[in-house]
Amino acid sequence: MEAKTRRTPMPSAEALSEQRHQALRVFVEASLDRLTGWETFMWRAVSKKCHAIVNQCASSLTASGARCSAVGRALLDSMPALKSLSLRNSPSINNDFVARVLQARSTLQALDLSFCPNVTDI
């Protein structure tokens, strides 16, 4: 007598992709606080899904000098969980930029603008 085996249908590519993204989200949530700024940017560059997950999970962002110019309002708006922002030693950061950032950022708990010569009204 031949034993009948029941085959489980293979999940679709979309379902597998979603499982990988859930695993990536767990990884990002668990390790993002320990990544440096450039590592965070590298992870964002991996894929569109990874970019979105990193932006949603990031709670802090640190940049200094010339790298501050890469931090625009669109980037900050895509990071709703941002609690700490450090943009040190950058002449490109000014009062208007700070006002726009603070206006839409109710979750922000720490802001470091040390050595930004064009920030005068804080």
N, C-alpha and C. Protein backbone atom coordinates (compact mmCIF):
# COMPACT_ATOMS: atom_id res chain seq x y z
N MET A 1 0.83 -1.17 0.00
CA MET A 1 0.00 0.00 0.00
C MET A 1 0.88 1.24 0.00
N GLU A 2 0.60 2.08 -0.85
CA GLU A 2 1.39 3.28 -1.03
C GLU A 2 0.88 4.39 -0.10
N ALA A 3 1.80 4.97 0.65
CA ALA A 3 1.40 6.04 1.56
C ALA A 3 1.19 7.32 0.76
N LYS A 4 0.14 7.99 1.09
CA LYS A 4 -0.15 9.26 0.41
C LYS A 4 0.47 10.39 1.21
N THR A 5 1.21 11.16 0.53
CA THR A 5 1.80 12.32 1.18
C THR A 5 1.02 13.55 0.77
N ARG A 6 0.85 14.37 1.71
CA ARG A 6 0.10 15.59 1.45
C ARG A 6 1.10 16.71 1.17
N ARG A 7 1.02 17.29 0.05
CA ARG A 7 1.94 18.36 -0.31
C ARG A 7 1.33 19.71 0.05
N THR A 8 2.14 20.46 0.74
CA THR A 8 1.74 21.83 1.06
C THR A 8 2.10 22.70 -0.13
N PRO A 9 1.16 23.46 -0.60
CA PRO A 9 1.49 24.31 -1.75
C PRO A 9 2.56 25.34 -1.38
N MET A 10 3.43 25.58 -2.32
CA MET A 10 4.48 26.58 -2.11
C MET A 10 3.85 27.97 -2.00
N PRO A 11 4.34 28.76 -1.07
CA PRO A 11 3.82 30.12 -0.98
C PRO A 11 4.21 30.92 -2.22
N SER A 12 3.42 31.89 -2.51
CA SER A 12 3.70 32.73 -3.67
C SER A 12 4.94 33.58 -3.40
N ALA A 13 5.49 34.09 -4.45
CA ALA A 13 6.68 34.95 -4.33
C ALA A 13 6.35 36.17 -3.48
N GLU A 14 5.14 36.68 -3.62
CA GLU A 14 4.73 37.85 -2.85
C GLU A 14 4.69 37.53 -1.35
N ALA A 15 4.15 36.36 -1.01
CA ALA A 15 4.08 35.95 0.40
C ALA A 15 5.49 35.76 0.97
N LEU A 16 6.38 35.14 0.20
CA LEU A 16 7.76 34.97 0.66
C LEU A 16 8.44 36.32 0.85
N SER A 17 8.20 37.22 -0.07
CA SER A 17 8.79 38.54 0.02
C SER A 17 8.31 39.25 1.28
N GLU A 18 7.04 39.13 1.59
CA GLU A 18 6.49 39.78 2.78
C GLU A 18 7.09 39.17 4.05
N GLN A 19 7.32 37.87 4.06
CA GLN A 19 7.95 37.23 5.22
C GLN A 19 9.37 37.77 5.41
N ARG A 20 10.09 37.92 4.33
CA ARG A 20 11.45 38.47 4.44
C ARG A 20 11.41 39.89 4.97
N HIS A 21 10.44 40.67 4.53
CA HIS A 21 10.36 42.05 5.00
C HIS A 21 10.00 42.10 6.47
N GLN A 22 9.18 41.16 6.95
CA GLN A 22 8.88 41.12 8.38
C GLN A 22 10.13 40.77 9.17
N ALA A 23 10.92 39.85 8.67
CA ALA A 23 12.18 39.49 9.33
C ALA A 23 13.14 40.68 9.31
N LEU A 24 13.18 41.39 8.20
CA LEU A 24 14.04 42.57 8.11
C LEU A 24 13.59 43.63 9.12
N ARG A 25 12.29 43.83 9.25
CA ARG A 25 11.77 44.80 10.22
C ARG A 25 12.22 44.45 11.64
N VAL A 26 12.15 43.16 12.00
CA VAL A 26 12.59 42.73 13.33
C VAL A 26 14.07 43.03 13.50
N PHE A 27 14.87 42.71 12.49
CA PHE A 27 16.31 43.00 12.54
C PHE A 27 16.56 44.49 12.72
N VAL A 28 15.89 45.29 11.91
CA VAL A 28 16.10 46.74 11.95
C VAL A 28 15.67 47.29 13.30
N GLU A 29 14.50 46.88 13.79
CA GLU A 29 14.03 47.39 15.08
C GLU A 29 14.99 47.01 16.21
N ALA A 30 15.58 45.82 16.13
CA ALA A 30 16.47 45.35 17.20
C ALA A 30 17.86 45.97 17.13
N SER A 31 18.31 46.37 15.96
CA SER A 31 19.70 46.81 15.85
C SER A 31 19.89 48.25 15.42
N LEU A 32 18.86 48.94 15.05
CA LEU A 32 19.01 50.28 14.49
C LEU A 32 19.64 51.26 15.48
N ASP A 33 19.34 51.13 16.75
CA ASP A 33 19.91 52.05 17.73
C ASP A 33 21.42 51.89 17.86
N ARG A 34 21.95 50.74 17.45
CA ARG A 34 23.38 50.49 17.57
C ARG A 34 24.14 50.80 16.27
N LEU A 35 23.44 51.15 15.21
CA LEU A 35 24.09 51.46 13.95
C LEU A 35 24.53 52.92 13.93
N THR A 36 25.63 53.19 13.29
CA THR A 36 26.05 54.58 13.11
C THR A 36 25.25 55.19 11.96
N GLY A 37 25.35 56.48 11.80
CA GLY A 37 24.61 57.17 10.76
C GLY A 37 24.88 56.64 9.37
N TRP A 38 26.15 56.41 9.05
CA TRP A 38 26.47 55.93 7.69
C TRP A 38 25.96 54.51 7.48
N GLU A 39 25.94 53.67 8.56
CA GLU A 39 25.39 52.32 8.41
C GLU A 39 23.89 52.39 8.15
N THR A 40 23.22 53.32 8.83
CA THR A 40 21.79 53.50 8.60
C THR A 40 21.52 53.88 7.15
N PHE A 41 22.32 54.83 6.62
CA PHE A 41 22.15 55.24 5.23
C PHE A 41 22.44 54.08 4.27
N MET A 42 23.43 53.25 4.60
CA MET A 42 23.74 52.08 3.76
C MET A 42 22.55 51.12 3.73
N TRP A 43 21.95 50.85 4.88
CA TRP A 43 20.78 49.96 4.91
C TRP A 43 19.63 50.54 4.11
N ARG A 44 19.46 51.85 4.16
CA ARG A 44 18.39 52.49 3.40
C ARG A 44 18.60 52.29 1.90
N ALA A 45 19.85 52.14 1.47
CA ALA A 45 20.16 52.01 0.05
C ALA A 45 19.95 50.59 -0.48
N VAL A 46 19.71 49.62 0.39
CA VAL A 46 19.60 48.22 -0.03
C VAL A 46 18.41 48.02 -0.97
N SER A 47 17.26 48.52 -0.59
CA SER A 47 16.07 48.37 -1.43
C SER A 47 15.03 49.39 -1.00
N LYS A 48 13.99 49.55 -1.80
CA LYS A 48 12.92 50.49 -1.44
C LYS A 48 12.23 50.05 -0.16
N LYS A 49 11.97 48.74 -0.02
CA LYS A 49 11.32 48.23 1.19
C LYS A 49 12.21 48.47 2.40
N CYS A 50 13.48 48.18 2.26
CA CYS A 50 14.42 48.37 3.36
C CYS A 50 14.50 49.86 3.71
N HIS A 51 14.52 50.70 2.71
CA HIS A 51 14.54 52.15 2.90
C HIS A 51 13.34 52.57 3.75
N ALA A 52 12.16 52.10 3.40
CA ALA A 52 10.95 52.47 4.13
C ALA A 52 10.97 51.93 5.56
N ILE A 53 11.43 50.71 5.74
CA ILE A 53 11.48 50.11 7.08
C ILE A 53 12.45 50.87 7.97
N VAL A 54 13.63 51.18 7.45
CA VAL A 54 14.60 51.93 8.24
C VAL A 54 14.04 53.30 8.61
N ASN A 55 13.42 53.97 7.67
CA ASN A 55 12.86 55.29 7.96
C ASN A 55 11.77 55.21 9.02
N GLN A 56 10.92 54.19 8.97
CA GLN A 56 9.84 54.05 9.94
C GLN A 56 10.35 53.72 11.33
N CYS A 57 11.45 52.99 11.42
CA CYS A 57 11.95 52.50 12.71
C CYS A 57 13.01 53.40 13.34
N ALA A 58 13.67 54.23 12.57
CA ALA A 58 14.78 55.02 13.10
C ALA A 58 14.31 55.97 14.19
N SER A 59 14.99 55.92 15.32
CA SER A 59 14.63 56.83 16.41
C SER A 59 15.70 57.89 16.63
N SER A 60 16.86 57.74 15.98
CA SER A 60 17.88 58.77 16.11
C SER A 60 18.64 58.92 14.80
N LEU A 61 19.16 60.11 14.58
CA LEU A 61 19.93 60.40 13.38
C LEU A 61 21.05 61.36 13.78
N THR A 62 22.27 61.00 13.40
CA THR A 62 23.43 61.83 13.70
C THR A 62 24.20 62.10 12.42
N ALA A 63 24.50 63.36 12.18
CA ALA A 63 25.33 63.74 11.04
C ALA A 63 26.15 64.96 11.46
N SER A 64 27.29 65.11 10.85
CA SER A 64 28.10 66.28 11.18
C SER A 64 28.79 66.79 9.92
N GLY A 65 29.16 68.06 9.97
CA GLY A 65 29.89 68.68 8.87
C GLY A 65 29.15 68.62 7.56
N ALA A 66 29.85 68.19 6.51
CA ALA A 66 29.29 68.16 5.16
C ALA A 66 28.12 67.19 5.04
N ARG A 67 28.08 66.15 5.87
CA ARG A 67 26.98 65.17 5.78
C ARG A 67 25.64 65.76 6.19
N CYS A 68 25.65 66.85 6.93
CA CYS A 68 24.40 67.48 7.35
C CYS A 68 23.60 67.98 6.16
N SER A 69 24.27 68.38 5.09
CA SER A 69 23.55 68.90 3.93
C SER A 69 22.70 67.83 3.27
N ALA A 70 23.01 66.54 3.52
CA ALA A 70 22.20 65.46 2.96
C ALA A 70 20.92 65.24 3.74
N VAL A 71 20.85 65.81 4.93
CA VAL A 71 19.66 65.65 5.78
C VAL A 71 18.70 66.77 5.43
N GLY A 72 17.70 66.44 4.64
CA GLY A 72 16.72 67.43 4.24
C GLY A 72 15.40 67.19 4.95
N ARG A 73 14.49 68.09 4.74
CA ARG A 73 13.19 67.98 5.39
C ARG A 73 12.45 66.73 4.93
N ALA A 74 12.56 66.36 3.65
CA ALA A 74 11.88 65.17 3.15
C ALA A 74 12.36 63.92 3.89
N LEU A 75 13.67 63.84 4.12
CA LEU A 75 14.22 62.71 4.87
C LEU A 75 13.67 62.70 6.29
N LEU A 76 13.69 63.83 6.94
CA LEU A 76 13.20 63.90 8.32
C LEU A 76 11.70 63.61 8.40
N ASP A 77 10.94 64.07 7.42
CA ASP A 77 9.50 63.80 7.40
C ASP A 77 9.20 62.32 7.22
N SER A 78 10.12 61.58 6.59
CA SER A 78 9.91 60.15 6.37
C SER A 78 10.31 59.32 7.59
N MET A 79 10.73 59.97 8.66
CA MET A 79 11.18 59.27 9.87
C MET A 79 10.27 59.64 11.04
N PRO A 80 9.07 59.05 11.13
CA PRO A 80 8.10 59.46 12.15
C PRO A 80 8.49 59.09 13.58
N ALA A 81 9.38 58.13 13.78
CA ALA A 81 9.76 57.71 15.13
C ALA A 81 10.99 58.44 15.66
N LEU A 82 11.45 59.44 14.95
CA LEU A 82 12.69 60.14 15.31
C LEU A 82 12.54 60.83 16.67
N LYS A 83 13.40 60.45 17.61
CA LYS A 83 13.39 61.04 18.95
C LYS A 83 14.64 61.87 19.23
N SER A 84 15.72 61.58 18.51
CA SER A 84 16.98 62.26 18.74
C SER A 84 17.60 62.66 17.40
N LEU A 85 17.97 63.92 17.28
CA LEU A 85 18.56 64.42 16.05
C LEU A 85 19.80 65.23 16.40
N SER A 86 20.92 64.85 15.82
CA SER A 86 22.18 65.55 16.05
C SER A 86 22.76 65.97 14.70
N LEU A 87 22.82 67.26 14.49
CA LEU A 87 23.38 67.83 13.25
C LEU A 87 24.45 68.84 13.68
N ARG A 88 25.64 68.36 13.90
CA ARG A 88 26.72 69.18 14.47
C ARG A 88 27.65 69.74 13.41
N ASN A 89 28.15 70.95 13.71
CA ASN A 89 29.23 71.54 12.93
C ASN A 89 28.88 71.71 11.45
N SER A 90 27.72 72.29 11.21
CA SER A 90 27.32 72.45 9.81
C SER A 90 26.86 73.87 9.52
N PRO A 91 27.53 74.55 8.61
CA PRO A 91 27.08 75.88 8.23
C PRO A 91 25.80 75.86 7.39
N SER A 92 25.42 74.69 6.86
CA SER A 92 24.20 74.62 6.04
C SER A 92 22.92 74.59 6.90
N ILE A 93 23.04 74.34 8.20
CA ILE A 93 21.88 74.34 9.08
C ILE A 93 21.67 75.78 9.56
N ASN A 94 20.42 76.29 9.37
CA ASN A 94 20.13 77.66 9.78
C ASN A 94 18.82 77.70 10.58
N ASN A 95 18.44 78.88 11.02
CA ASN A 95 17.23 79.05 11.84
C ASN A 95 15.97 78.57 11.14
N ASP A 96 15.85 78.85 9.83
CA ASP A 96 14.66 78.43 9.09
C ASP A 96 14.55 76.91 9.04
N PHE A 97 15.67 76.24 8.80
CA PHE A 97 15.67 74.77 8.77
C PHE A 97 15.23 74.22 10.13
N VAL A 98 15.78 74.77 11.20
CA VAL A 98 15.44 74.30 12.55
C VAL A 98 13.95 74.51 12.82
N ALA A 99 13.43 75.67 12.45
CA ALA A 99 12.01 75.95 12.67
C ALA A 99 11.12 74.96 11.93
N ARG A 100 11.47 74.65 10.67
CA ARG A 100 10.68 73.69 9.89
C ARG A 100 10.75 72.29 10.51
N VAL A 101 11.93 71.90 10.97
CA VAL A 101 12.10 70.57 11.58
C VAL A 101 11.27 70.47 12.86
N LEU A 102 11.35 71.48 13.71
CA LEU A 102 10.65 71.45 14.99
C LEU A 102 9.15 71.56 14.84
N GLN A 103 8.70 72.22 13.80
CA GLN A 103 7.28 72.44 13.58
C GLN A 103 6.52 71.12 13.42
N ALA A 104 7.09 70.17 12.71
CA ALA A 104 6.38 68.93 12.41
C ALA A 104 6.93 67.73 13.17
N ARG A 105 7.68 67.95 14.22
CA ARG A 105 8.36 66.83 14.89
C ARG A 105 7.98 66.80 16.37
N SER A 106 6.79 66.29 16.69
CA SER A 106 6.34 66.24 18.07
C SER A 106 7.03 65.13 18.87
N THR A 107 7.64 64.16 18.21
CA THR A 107 8.29 63.05 18.91
C THR A 107 9.72 63.37 19.31
N LEU A 108 10.27 64.46 18.81
CA LEU A 108 11.67 64.80 19.06
C LEU A 108 11.90 65.15 20.53
N GLN A 109 12.85 64.45 21.16
CA GLN A 109 13.16 64.67 22.57
C GLN A 109 14.54 65.31 22.75
N ALA A 110 15.44 65.11 21.79
CA ALA A 110 16.80 65.65 21.91
C ALA A 110 17.23 66.23 20.56
N LEU A 111 17.79 67.42 20.61
CA LEU A 111 18.27 68.09 19.40
C LEU A 111 19.64 68.69 19.69
N ASP A 112 20.64 68.29 18.94
CA ASP A 112 22.01 68.78 19.12
C ASP A 112 22.43 69.53 17.87
N LEU A 113 22.58 70.83 18.00
CA LEU A 113 23.02 71.68 16.89
C LEU A 113 24.32 72.39 17.26
N SER A 114 25.16 71.72 18.01
CA SER A 114 26.42 72.29 18.46
C SER A 114 27.29 72.70 17.28
N PHE A 115 27.91 73.83 17.40
CA PHE A 115 28.87 74.34 16.42
C PHE A 115 28.25 74.59 15.04
N CYS A 116 26.96 74.88 15.00
CA CYS A 116 26.30 75.29 13.75
C CYS A 116 26.23 76.82 13.78
N PRO A 117 27.13 77.47 13.05
CA PRO A 117 27.27 78.93 13.18
C PRO A 117 26.05 79.73 12.72
N ASN A 118 25.20 79.16 11.87
CA ASN A 118 24.05 79.90 11.36
C ASN A 118 22.78 79.67 12.15
N VAL A 119 22.89 78.95 13.26
CA VAL A 119 21.75 78.76 14.16
C VAL A 119 21.95 79.74 15.30
N THR A 120 21.06 80.74 15.36
CA THR A 120 21.23 81.80 16.37
C THR A 120 20.01 82.00 17.26
N ASP A 121 18.87 81.42 16.91
CA ASP A 121 17.62 81.71 17.66
C ASP A 121 17.08 80.49 18.40
N ILE A 122 17.93 79.83 19.18
CA ILE A 122 17.41 78.68 19.93
C ILE A 122 17.45 79.00 21.40
